[in-house]
Amino acid sequence: MPRQPRRYRISLHLSGGQTEVVNFPTLETFQEWYQGLVNGGQAQAFVNVPLGELEGEYLVIRPEAVIGLRVEPQYASIDDA
């Protein structure tokens, strides 16, 4: 039986050289958010990136600032990392 990831760690590589790490509970949740980022309209408009497990905690970025993504399945609990 294949292992199921507990969450997905997404590294957003930004044009200024920064890397921001966010976690999504499922790959489908990330894909829905990413479709909103790609299809969100203007590249100059701001979008919210949900941070952490707290409701209402966001990083605000412009879609054009994202130059790369890294998606990693995480199998250990957050406390184990």
Protein backbone atom coordinates (compact mmCIF):
# COMPACT_ATOMS: atom_id res chain seq x y z
CA MET A 1 0.00 0.00 0.00
CA PRO A 2 1.55 3.38 -0.99
CA ARG A 3 2.13 5.99 1.69
CA GLN A 4 -0.11 9.06 1.73
CA PRO A 5 1.49 12.47 2.32
CA ARG A 6 0.25 14.39 5.37
CA ARG A 7 0.66 17.70 3.52
CA TYR A 8 2.47 19.31 0.60
CA ARG A 9 5.29 21.80 1.12
CA ILE A 10 5.35 24.44 -1.61
CA SER A 11 8.45 26.61 -2.06
CA LEU A 12 7.66 29.81 -3.95
CA HIS A 13 10.78 31.21 -5.60
CA LEU A 14 10.31 34.94 -6.09
CA SER A 15 11.99 37.32 -8.55
CA GLY A 16 13.84 39.20 -5.79
CA GLY A 17 15.69 36.03 -4.79
CA GLN A 18 13.49 35.19 -1.80
CA THR A 19 11.94 31.80 -1.20
CA GLU A 20 8.71 31.52 0.79
CA VAL A 21 7.50 28.15 2.04
CA VAL A 22 3.79 27.39 2.47
CA ASN A 23 1.96 24.15 3.26
CA PHE A 24 -1.21 22.82 1.70
CA PRO A 25 -3.17 19.89 3.16
CA THR A 26 -3.73 18.20 -0.23
CA LEU A 27 -2.34 18.46 -3.73
CA GLU A 28 -5.83 19.33 -4.98
CA THR A 29 -6.02 22.32 -2.61
CA PHE A 30 -2.70 23.58 -3.96
CA GLN A 31 -3.81 23.05 -7.56
CA GLU A 32 -7.02 25.04 -6.97
CA TRP A 33 -5.04 27.89 -5.41
CA TYR A 34 -2.46 27.80 -8.21
CA GLN A 35 -5.14 27.92 -10.93
CA GLY A 36 -6.43 31.08 -9.27
CA LEU A 37 -2.91 32.50 -9.35
CA VAL A 38 -2.36 31.69 -13.03
CA ASN A 39 -5.85 32.63 -14.20
CA GLY A 40 -6.33 35.51 -11.78
CA GLY A 41 -6.20 38.23 -14.40
CA GLN A 42 -3.61 40.98 -14.25
CA ALA A 43 -0.03 40.08 -13.34
CA GLN A 44 0.24 43.36 -11.39
CA ALA A 45 -2.72 42.52 -9.12
CA PHE A 46 -1.99 41.16 -5.65
CA VAL A 47 -2.98 37.62 -4.63
CA ASN A 48 -3.14 36.02 -1.20
CA VAL A 49 -0.93 33.05 -0.35
CA PRO A 50 -2.28 31.17 2.69
CA LEU A 51 0.45 30.76 5.33
CA GLY A 52 0.49 28.19 8.06
CA GLU A 53 -2.44 26.50 9.66
CA LEU A 54 -3.99 29.69 11.05
CA GLU A 55 -7.14 30.99 9.41
CA GLY A 56 -6.66 34.43 7.87
CA GLU A 57 -2.82 34.44 7.81
CA TYR A 58 -1.61 35.39 4.31
CA LEU A 59 1.42 36.45 2.31
CA VAL A 60 0.43 38.93 -0.41
CA ILE A 61 2.37 38.74 -3.70
CA ARG A 62 2.04 39.63 -7.35
CA PRO A 63 1.73 36.62 -9.69
CA GLU A 64 4.50 37.95 -11.94
CA ALA A 65 6.92 37.78 -8.98
CA VAL A 66 6.72 33.96 -8.83
CA ILE A 67 9.48 32.60 -11.06
CA GLY A 68 9.50 29.02 -9.80
CA LEU A 69 7.75 26.47 -7.61
CA ARG A 70 8.90 23.37 -5.80
CA VAL A 71 6.25 20.89 -4.63
CA GLU A 72 7.31 18.31 -2.03
CA PRO A 73 5.08 15.72 -0.38
CA GLN A 74 5.65 15.64 3.39
CA TYR A 75 5.06 12.33 5.14
CA ALA A 76 6.10 13.24 8.70
CA SER A 77 3.93 15.35 10.98
CA ILE A 78 4.72 19.07 11.29
CA ASP A 79 6.09 18.48 14.80
CA ASP A 80 8.53 15.84 13.49
CA ALA A 81 10.12 18.23 10.97
